[in-house]
């Protein structure tokens, strides 16, 4: 069988590439060990509850992102987040401090001291500095002060990366921020001069699984091989020879011009590559992807004292709490909870407290009970509960991320037709992965260099 591409992985990264190629007439095969498409997407529906224990929402950056979703047939299904979601909370010294997209909210809130606020504003006078491997903590402390780094950026890193700002590389983890320093000298001045972004937080009536299913829609049954495992990967003068065992235990194979690896980096050692590529993979052996456990709970509205008038709250590391933060999904999108009920979604573990993610269910329940009672005034047991354990959650873009990505680029250059695409490279946000996967698929289908 001669194909244009074989794609390893049917998560959002692989589906984005496959969808773009198939819509342009390319012949592809997607090999996925799981029994469903979507990868880390986990939508659960039960008795009127709609619960995400993987990605909760998408952040659209403009009209092109919306058009991409419309191309998946989701135009009429896009749910925009309630305006209340523009408000986020940060827990500090036992109090939730509200912040919005307006810079003035930072100065109305009691999160930073007056000294911290003045140091934050002084960023406009700071000279350029730093270096390519500067950590998130070092960058923000240098530009905005230690207080801003500890109380503002630290919880963002916990919420986005489940990471440690003292170990993540700024230029890899949040590249748009140092780019403002490069181009405008000041991050604040750069933000003021930049046209306002048309961002939107969105979801779907049937949850994020609706997105995965729509992306997989154009793939014929034979093009999407669920429950299949690759057993052979070899390149010769004709292209990439790949063999796999399908869900029925039968052996199949094909020859393809392109091989796109979208499986997460911790799965690469189990793939049947030859020794030359295995040496490249060793560059990634120590790449962190810490465990995170999601504890989602449904409560009667009367059991929660807090108005839940926001997206959720995050917690700085210096608070030494036992959860990373909590989202308020039923305040953000419709249809997440039955009438008179609320849905809360807590995250435990991450790079700084990985052992907490591996606690028993009983220990997790006790920790979440205490945290939600103290922060949100929860006064009764949950009516529903869902626990999802991710032993490997989010790739950590440490100070050696650039070197690791360079190793992948060399492997691609040395092996024509080989491509790596996923959250392990270039950006972890779900919309970025989809957007970049679509671009890669279009490029390959058109025969242009990727």
Protein backbone atom coordinates (compact mmCIF):
# COMPACT_ATOMS: atom_id res chain seq x y z
CA UNK A 1 0.00 0.00 0.00
CA UNK A 2 1.46 3.40 -1.06
CA UNK A 3 0.44 6.37 1.11
CA UNK A 4 1.30 10.03 1.34
CA UNK A 5 1.74 9.90 5.11
CA UNK A 6 1.62 7.66 8.14
CA UNK A 7 0.89 9.46 11.40
CA UNK A 8 1.74 8.01 14.78
CA UNK A 9 -0.85 9.22 17.28
CA UNK A 10 -4.51 10.28 17.07
CA UNK A 11 -4.38 13.03 19.67
CA UNK A 12 -5.16 16.61 18.59
CA UNK A 13 -1.69 16.96 17.04
CA UNK A 14 -2.05 13.91 14.80
CA UNK A 15 -5.68 14.58 13.96
CA UNK A 16 -4.89 18.16 12.89
CA UNK A 17 -2.22 16.96 10.46
CA UNK A 18 -4.36 14.10 9.13
CA UNK A 19 -7.48 16.24 8.70
CA UNK A 20 -5.59 18.89 6.72
CA UNK A 21 -3.99 16.29 4.44
CA UNK A 22 -7.15 14.28 3.78
CA UNK A 23 -9.16 17.38 2.92
CA UNK A 24 -6.61 18.09 0.20
CA UNK A 25 -6.87 14.60 -1.23
CA UNK A 26 -3.84 12.99 0.39
CA UNK A 27 -3.87 9.34 1.44
CA UNK A 28 -2.96 8.89 5.09
CA UNK A 29 -2.99 6.28 7.81
CA UNK A 30 -3.19 7.21 11.51
CA UNK A 31 -1.89 4.58 13.94
CA UNK A 32 -3.29 4.94 17.48
CA UNK A 33 -2.99 2.41 20.34
CA UNK A 34 -6.06 3.73 22.20
CA UNK A 35 -9.64 2.81 21.36
CA UNK A 36 -10.75 6.40 20.78
CA UNK A 37 -9.33 9.52 19.10
CA UNK A 38 -8.42 12.58 21.12
CA UNK A 39 -5.35 11.69 23.18
CA UNK A 40 -5.42 13.67 26.43
CA UNK A 41 -8.96 14.91 25.76
CA UNK A 42 -11.28 13.29 28.30
CA UNK A 43 -14.95 14.29 28.29
CA UNK A 44 -17.35 12.52 30.63
CA UNK A 45 -21.13 12.89 30.61
CA UNK A 46 -23.13 11.60 33.53
CA UNK A 47 -26.58 12.48 34.91
CA UNK A 48 -26.58 15.99 33.48
CA UNK A 49 -22.91 16.71 34.24
CA UNK A 50 -20.34 17.40 31.51
CA UNK A 51 -16.85 17.01 32.93
CA UNK A 52 -13.46 17.55 31.32
CA UNK A 53 -10.59 15.77 33.06
CA UNK A 54 -8.20 16.74 30.27
CA UNK A 55 -8.18 20.13 28.47
CA UNK A 56 -11.20 22.18 29.54
CA UNK A 57 -11.34 24.85 26.83
CA UNK A 58 -9.62 26.32 23.77
CA UNK A 59 -8.23 29.85 23.56
CA UNK A 60 -8.75 31.35 20.12
CA UNK A 61 -6.31 34.07 19.09
CA UNK A 62 -8.20 35.56 16.17
CA UNK A 63 -10.38 35.01 13.11
CA UNK A 64 -8.06 32.38 11.62
CA UNK A 65 -8.53 30.10 14.65
CA UNK A 66 -12.30 30.43 14.41
CA UNK A 67 -12.16 29.64 10.69
CA UNK A 68 -10.13 26.54 11.47
CA UNK A 69 -12.83 25.29 13.84
CA UNK A 70 -15.46 26.11 11.23
CA UNK A 71 -13.47 23.96 8.79
CA UNK A 72 -13.96 21.06 11.19
CA UNK A 73 -17.72 21.62 10.94
CA UNK A 74 -17.95 23.17 14.40
CA UNK A 75 -18.97 26.71 13.45
CA UNK A 76 -22.48 26.51 14.92
CA UNK A 77 -21.28 24.51 17.94
CA UNK A 78 -18.73 26.98 19.30
CA UNK A 79 -19.66 28.11 22.83
CA UNK A 80 -17.99 31.32 23.98
CA UNK A 81 -17.12 31.59 27.64
CA UNK A 82 -19.29 33.73 29.87
CA UNK A 83 -17.95 37.22 30.52
CA UNK A 84 -17.43 36.25 34.16
CA UNK A 85 -14.56 34.04 33.00
CA UNK A 86 -12.48 37.15 32.30
CA UNK A 87 -12.01 37.37 36.05
CA UNK A 88 -9.34 35.10 37.55
CA UNK A 89 -8.35 34.72 41.18
CA UNK A 90 -4.99 34.25 42.86
CA UNK A 91 -4.84 32.89 46.39
CA UNK A 92 -2.43 34.73 48.67
CA UNK A 93 -2.31 34.67 52.47
CA UNK A 94 -5.63 32.85 52.59
CA UNK A 95 -7.49 35.39 50.45
CA UNK A 96 -8.65 35.20 46.83
CA UNK A 97 -7.59 38.29 44.87
CA UNK A 98 -9.55 39.05 41.69
CA UNK A 99 -7.72 40.03 38.49
CA UNK A 100 -9.17 40.82 35.07
CA UNK A 101 -7.72 41.51 31.62
CA UNK A 102 -7.53 45.20 32.51
CA UNK A 103 -4.12 46.25 33.90
CA UNK A 104 -5.87 48.52 36.42
CA UNK A 105 -7.21 45.45 38.25
CA UNK A 106 -3.67 44.58 39.31
CA UNK A 107 -3.39 47.86 41.17
CA UNK A 108 -6.86 47.74 42.69
CA UNK A 109 -6.22 44.26 44.07
CA UNK A 110 -4.34 43.86 47.31
CA UNK A 111 -2.09 41.16 45.89
CA UNK A 112 1.04 43.28 45.48
CA UNK A 113 2.36 45.69 48.08
CA UNK A 114 2.79 49.34 47.10
CA UNK A 115 6.50 48.67 46.80
CA UNK A 116 5.75 45.71 44.54
CA UNK A 117 3.41 47.80 42.39
CA UNK A 118 6.00 50.55 41.95
CA UNK A 119 8.65 47.99 41.06
CA UNK A 120 6.24 46.47 38.53
CA UNK A 121 5.65 49.86 36.87
CA UNK A 122 9.37 50.61 36.77
CA UNK A 123 9.68 47.91 34.11
CA UNK A 124 9.19 50.60 31.45
CA UNK A 125 12.59 52.07 32.41
CA UNK A 126 14.54 48.81 32.56
CA UNK A 127 17.19 48.11 29.90
CA UNK A 128 17.24 44.96 27.84
CA UNK A 129 19.05 42.03 29.42
CA UNK A 130 18.87 38.34 30.13
CA UNK A 131 20.08 35.43 28.02
CA UNK A 132 18.69 32.62 25.87
CA UNK A 133 18.33 30.13 28.73
CA UNK A 134 16.97 32.57 31.32
CA UNK A 135 14.33 30.94 33.50
CA UNK A 136 10.80 32.26 33.87
CA UNK A 137 11.51 33.22 37.48
CA UNK A 138 14.70 35.09 36.59
CA UNK A 139 13.13 36.93 33.65
CA UNK A 140 10.07 38.18 35.54
CA UNK A 141 12.09 39.10 38.63
CA UNK A 142 14.55 41.05 36.46
CA UNK A 143 11.85 42.92 34.56
CA UNK A 144 9.05 43.29 37.14
CA UNK A 145 10.54 42.44 40.53
CA UNK A 146 10.61 39.43 42.82
CA UNK A 147 7.16 40.10 44.25
CA UNK A 148 5.55 40.01 40.81
CA UNK A 149 7.49 36.86 39.94
CA UNK A 150 6.35 35.09 43.10
CA UNK A 151 2.73 36.25 43.23
CA UNK A 152 1.76 36.73 39.58
CA UNK A 153 3.91 34.61 37.27
CA UNK A 154 4.45 31.67 39.61
CA UNK A 155 0.75 30.71 39.78
CA UNK A 156 0.41 31.19 36.01
CA UNK A 157 3.22 28.70 35.48
CA UNK A 158 1.48 26.27 37.84
CA UNK A 159 -1.80 26.68 36.00
CA UNK A 160 -0.48 26.49 32.44
CA UNK A 161 2.52 24.16 32.72
CA UNK A 162 2.08 22.53 36.15
CA UNK A 163 5.71 23.59 36.34
CA UNK A 164 8.40 25.29 38.40
CA UNK A 165 9.25 28.81 37.13
CA UNK A 166 12.77 28.37 38.47
CA UNK A 167 13.36 25.51 36.02
CA UNK A 168 11.38 26.48 32.90
CA UNK A 169 13.02 28.49 30.13
CA UNK A 170 11.23 31.78 29.46
CA UNK A 171 11.95 31.92 25.72
CA UNK A 172 10.54 28.45 25.19
CA UNK A 173 7.66 28.55 27.65
CA UNK A 174 6.32 32.09 27.01
CA UNK A 175 8.13 33.26 23.86
CA UNK A 176 5.88 36.25 23.11
CA UNK A 177 6.93 38.03 26.34
CA UNK A 178 10.71 38.16 25.79
CA UNK A 179 9.95 39.00 22.14
CA UNK A 180 8.36 42.23 23.41
CA UNK A 181 11.53 43.04 25.34
CA UNK A 182 13.58 42.35 22.21
CA UNK A 183 11.47 44.58 19.96
CA UNK A 184 10.36 47.35 22.34
CA UNK A 185 12.93 47.17 25.19
CA UNK A 186 9.99 47.14 27.66
CA UNK A 187 7.34 44.42 27.89
CA UNK A 188 4.73 46.94 29.12
CA UNK A 189 5.49 49.39 26.29
CA UNK A 190 5.35 46.55 23.80
CA UNK A 191 1.94 45.50 25.05
CA UNK A 192 0.68 49.08 24.86
CA UNK A 193 1.86 49.46 21.26
CA UNK A 194 0.60 46.09 20.07
CA UNK A 195 -2.89 45.92 18.51
CA UNK A 196 -5.33 44.34 20.96
CA UNK A 197 -5.69 40.60 20.44
CA UNK A 198 -9.16 39.24 19.72
CA UNK A 199 -8.99 36.32 22.12
CA UNK A 200 -11.88 34.11 23.09
CA UNK A 201 -12.23 31.13 25.42
CA UNK A 202 -14.46 28.52 23.80
CA UNK A 203 -15.87 25.05 24.31
CA UNK A 204 -18.51 22.82 22.73
CA UNK A 205 -21.95 21.50 23.77
CA UNK A 206 -20.66 17.91 23.90
CA UNK A 207 -17.33 18.88 25.39
CA UNK A 208 -13.83 18.71 23.99
CA UNK A 209 -14.45 15.19 22.68
CA UNK A 210 -16.75 16.84 20.15
CA UNK A 211 -13.67 18.65 18.80
CA UNK A 212 -11.67 15.41 18.54
CA UNK A 213 -14.52 13.59 16.84
CA UNK A 214 -14.99 16.44 14.34
CA UNK A 215 -11.28 16.42 13.50
CA UNK A 216 -11.39 12.65 12.98
CA UNK A 217 -14.59 12.87 10.92
CA UNK A 218 -13.07 12.95 7.39
CA UNK A 219 -10.80 9.99 8.15
CA UNK A 220 -12.32 6.85 6.74
CA UNK A 221 -12.46 3.84 9.05
CA UNK A 222 -9.45 2.33 7.35
CA UNK A 223 -7.49 5.61 7.57
CA UNK A 224 -7.84 5.81 11.36
CA UNK A 225 -6.49 2.63 12.91
CA UNK A 226 -7.56 2.64 16.56
CA UNK A 227 -6.24 -0.03 18.87
CA UNK A 228 -3.19 -0.48 16.62
CA UNK A 229 0.51 -0.71 17.54
CA UNK A 230 3.46 -0.01 15.24
CA UNK A 231 5.75 -3.04 15.00
CA UNK A 232 8.28 -1.90 12.38
CA UNK A 233 9.59 1.50 11.22
CA UNK A 234 12.29 1.61 8.55
CA UNK A 235 13.31 4.09 5.86
CA UNK A 236 14.69 3.14 2.44
CA UNK A 237 15.04 4.78 -0.95
CA UNK A 238 11.28 4.50 -1.57
CA UNK A 239 10.17 6.13 1.69
CA UNK A 240 9.02 4.98 5.13
CA UNK A 241 8.03 1.36 5.64
CA UNK A 242 5.73 0.96 8.63
CA UNK A 243 4.10 -2.21 9.90
CA UNK A 244 1.48 -2.40 12.64
CA UNK A 245 -0.76 -4.89 14.40
CA UNK A 246 -4.40 -3.83 14.22
CA UNK A 247 -7.09 -4.10 16.88
CA UNK A 248 -7.96 -7.63 15.68
CA UNK A 249 -4.37 -8.85 16.07
CA UNK A 250 -3.74 -8.85 12.32
CA UNK A 251 -0.49 -7.57 10.84
CA UNK A 252 -0.67 -4.77 8.25
CA UNK A 253 1.83 -2.44 6.63
CA UNK A 254 2.30 0.40 4.18
CA UNK A 255 4.91 2.56 2.47
CA UNK A 256 4.60 6.34 2.85
CA UNK A 257 6.45 9.44 1.70
CA UNK A 258 6.09 11.07 5.12
CA UNK A 259 6.16 9.76 8.67
CA UNK A 260 4.76 12.17 11.28
CA UNK A 261 5.44 11.37 14.93
CA UNK A 262 2.88 13.02 17.21
CA UNK A 263 3.03 10.50 20.07
CA UNK A 264 4.31 12.14 23.30
CA UNK A 265 8.05 11.97 23.86
CA UNK A 266 7.81 9.45 26.70
CA UNK A 267 6.37 6.92 24.25
CA UNK A 268 9.22 7.21 21.75
CA UNK A 269 11.45 4.52 23.35
CA UNK A 270 8.68 1.95 22.74
CA UNK A 271 8.44 2.78 19.02
CA UNK A 272 10.33 0.37 16.70
CA UNK A 273 12.83 2.86 15.27
CA UNK A 274 16.38 1.95 14.31
CA UNK A 275 19.35 2.74 16.53
CA UNK A 276 20.29 6.02 14.81
CA UNK A 277 16.98 7.61 15.75
CA UNK A 278 17.02 6.05 19.19
CA UNK A 279 20.18 8.07 19.88
CA UNK A 280 18.20 11.23 19.12
CA UNK A 281 15.47 10.13 21.49
CA UNK A 282 17.99 9.86 24.30
CA UNK A 283 18.20 13.65 24.21
CA UNK A 284 14.62 13.54 25.53
CA UNK A 285 14.95 10.83 28.16
CA UNK A 286 15.25 13.31 31.03
CA UNK A 287 12.59 15.69 29.79
CA UNK A 288 10.16 16.20 32.63
CA UNK A 289 6.46 15.55 32.27
CA UNK A 290 5.33 15.51 35.92
CA UNK A 291 2.21 13.75 37.17
CA UNK A 292 -1.00 15.70 37.66
CA UNK A 293 -4.22 14.34 39.14
CA UNK A 294 -7.54 15.99 38.32
CA UNK A 295 -10.28 15.89 40.95
CA UNK A 296 -13.58 17.16 39.53
CA UNK A 297 -16.57 17.52 41.84
CA UNK A 298 -20.22 18.38 41.59
CA UNK A 299 -21.90 20.23 44.45
CA UNK A 300 -25.29 21.65 45.23
CA UNK A 301 -25.02 25.41 44.76
CA UNK A 302 -26.02 26.01 48.38
CA UNK A 303 -22.92 24.10 49.56
CA UNK A 304 -20.47 26.64 48.07
CA UNK A 305 -20.28 30.06 49.73
CA UNK A 306 -18.10 31.73 47.10
CA UNK A 307 -20.00 33.35 44.18
CA UNK A 308 -17.73 31.52 41.68
CA UNK A 309 -17.74 34.64 39.55
CA UNK A 310 -14.69 33.85 37.48
CA UNK A 311 -12.67 31.27 35.59
CA UNK A 312 -11.10 29.80 38.72
CA UNK A 313 -8.14 30.40 41.01
CA UNK A 314 -4.43 29.61 41.04
CA UNK A 315 -2.02 29.34 43.94
CA UNK A 316 1.58 30.63 44.21
CA UNK A 317 4.10 28.04 45.29
CA UNK A 318 5.05 29.96 48.41
CA UNK A 319 1.55 29.33 49.78
CA UNK A 320 2.53 25.66 50.29
CA UNK A 321 -0.98 24.43 49.54
CA UNK A 322 -1.87 20.90 48.47
CA UNK A 323 -3.52 21.74 45.16
CA UNK A 324 -2.30 23.81 42.20
CA UNK A 325 -5.62 25.54 41.69
CA UNK A 326 -9.29 25.08 40.90
CA UNK A 327 -11.43 25.88 37.85
CA UNK A 328 -15.12 26.83 37.92
CA UNK A 329 -16.34 25.15 34.68
CA UNK A 330 -20.06 25.67 35.36
CA UNK A 331 -19.43 29.43 35.61
CA UNK A 332 -17.57 29.52 32.30
CA UNK A 333 -19.61 27.47 29.82
CA UNK A 334 -23.27 26.36 29.76
CA UNK A 335 -24.38 22.78 30.24
CA UNK A 336 -21.60 21.74 32.59
CA UNK A 337 -23.85 21.05 35.58
CA UNK A 338 -27.55 20.38 36.23
CA UNK A 339 -29.72 23.28 37.38
CA UNK A 340 -28.94 24.34 40.93
CA UNK A 341 -25.54 22.57 40.89
CA UNK A 342 -21.94 23.71 40.37
CA UNK A 343 -18.89 21.94 39.00
CA UNK A 344 -15.38 22.49 40.42
CA UNK A 345 -12.20 21.03 38.94
CA UNK A 346 -9.04 20.82 41.08
CA UNK A 347 -5.48 19.99 40.00
CA UNK A 348 -2.95 18.27 42.24
CA UNK A 349 0.77 17.56 41.82
CA UNK A 350 2.94 19.06 39.09
CA UNK A 351 6.67 19.61 38.95
CA UNK A 352 7.09 20.88 42.50
CA UNK A 353 4.86 18.40 44.33
CA UNK A 354 4.71 15.27 42.16
CA UNK A 355 4.18 12.98 45.16
CA UNK A 356 0.85 14.65 45.91
CA UNK A 357 -0.52 13.56 42.52
CA UNK A 358 0.20 9.94 43.46
CA UNK A 359 -1.70 9.97 46.75
CA UNK A 360 -4.48 7.46 47.30
CA UNK A 361 -8.05 8.47 46.48
CA UNK A 362 -8.77 8.86 50.19
CA UNK A 363 -5.78 11.17 50.68
CA UNK A 364 -6.74 13.23 47.65
CA UNK A 365 -10.29 13.60 48.91
CA UNK A 366 -9.11 14.77 52.31
CA UNK A 367 -6.75 17.32 50.77
CA UNK A 368 -9.37 18.69 48.37
CA UNK A 369 -12.02 18.80 51.12
CA UNK A 370 -9.78 20.96 53.26
CA UNK A 371 -8.63 23.25 50.46
CA UNK A 372 -12.12 23.95 49.10
CA UNK A 373 -13.55 24.50 52.57
CA UNK A 374 -10.87 27.10 53.31
CA UNK A 375 -10.86 28.89 49.95
CA UNK A 376 -14.43 28.63 48.64
CA UNK A 377 -16.39 27.97 51.80
CA UNK A 378 -17.55 24.52 50.68
CA UNK A 379 -19.66 23.17 53.54
CA UNK A 380 -21.01 19.81 52.33
CA UNK A 381 -19.69 16.67 50.64
CA UNK A 382 -19.77 16.54 46.84
CA UNK A 383 -22.72 14.89 45.14
CA UNK A 384 -20.51 13.63 42.31
CA UNK A 385 -16.78 13.08 41.91
CA UNK A 386 -14.42 12.14 39.08
CA UNK A 387 -10.70 11.45 39.52
CA UNK A 388 -8.34 11.30 36.55
CA UNK A 389 -4.66 10.48 37.07
CA UNK A 390 -2.11 11.62 34.50
CA UNK A 391 1.22 9.99 35.29
CA UNK A 392 2.80 12.10 32.55
CA UNK A 393 0.92 15.35 32.08
CA UNK A 394 2.65 18.34 30.45
CA UNK A 395 6.14 18.44 28.87
CA UNK A 396 8.37 20.85 30.78
CA UNK A 397 10.32 23.30 28.62
CA UNK A 398 13.46 23.45 30.74
CA UNK A 399 16.63 25.39 29.99
CA UNK A 400 17.79 22.61 27.64
CA UNK A 401 14.59 22.67 25.54
CA UNK A 402 16.27 24.51 22.65
CA UNK A 403 19.00 21.87 22.48
CA UNK A 404 16.40 19.08 22.47
CA UNK A 405 14.36 20.72 19.73
CA UNK A 406 17.56 21.19 17.70
CA UNK A 407 18.17 17.44 17.96
CA UNK A 408 14.74 16.79 16.43
CA UNK A 409 15.44 19.28 13.63
CA UNK A 410 18.71 17.48 12.83
CA UNK A 411 16.92 14.12 12.79
CA UNK A 412 14.35 15.52 10.35
CA UNK A 413 17.09 16.94 8.11
CA UNK A 414 18.97 13.63 8.10
CA UNK A 415 15.83 11.54 7.48
CA UNK A 416 13.79 12.97 4.58
CA UNK A 417 10.06 12.70 5.18
CA UNK A 418 10.35 12.46 8.97
CA UNK A 419 8.45 15.05 11.03
CA UNK A 420 7.86 15.54 14.75
CA UNK A 421 4.83 17.51 15.90
CA UNK A 422 3.17 17.87 19.29
CA UNK A 423 3.09 19.69 22.61
CA UNK A 424 6.66 18.52 23.26
CA UNK A 425 7.89 21.12 20.76
CA UNK A 426 7.13 24.75 19.95
CA UNK A 427 4.30 25.33 22.44
CA UNK A 428 2.00 23.35 24.72
CA UNK A 429 -1.33 25.12 24.23
CA UNK A 430 -3.97 22.96 22.58
CA UNK A 431 -4.90 25.62 20.02
CA UNK A 432 -1.24 26.10 19.08
CA UNK A 433 -0.84 22.35 18.56
CA UNK A 434 -3.94 22.25 16.34
CA UNK A 435 -2.99 25.38 14.40
CA UNK A 436 0.57 24.18 13.76
CA UNK A 437 -0.64 20.67 12.87
CA UNK A 438 -3.04 22.09 10.31
CA UNK A 439 -0.23 24.15 8.75
CA UNK A 440 2.08 21.11 8.62
CA UNK A 441 -0.62 18.94 7.04
CA UNK A 442 -1.42 21.54 4.38
CA UNK A 443 2.26 21.96 3.58
CA UNK A 444 2.88 18.23 3.22
CA UNK A 445 -0.25 17.68 1.12
CA UNK A 446 0.79 20.48 -1.22
CA UNK A 447 4.27 19.01 -1.58
CA UNK A 448 5.91 22.14 -0.19
CA UNK A 449 8.78 22.00 2.35
CA UNK A 450 7.40 21.68 5.89
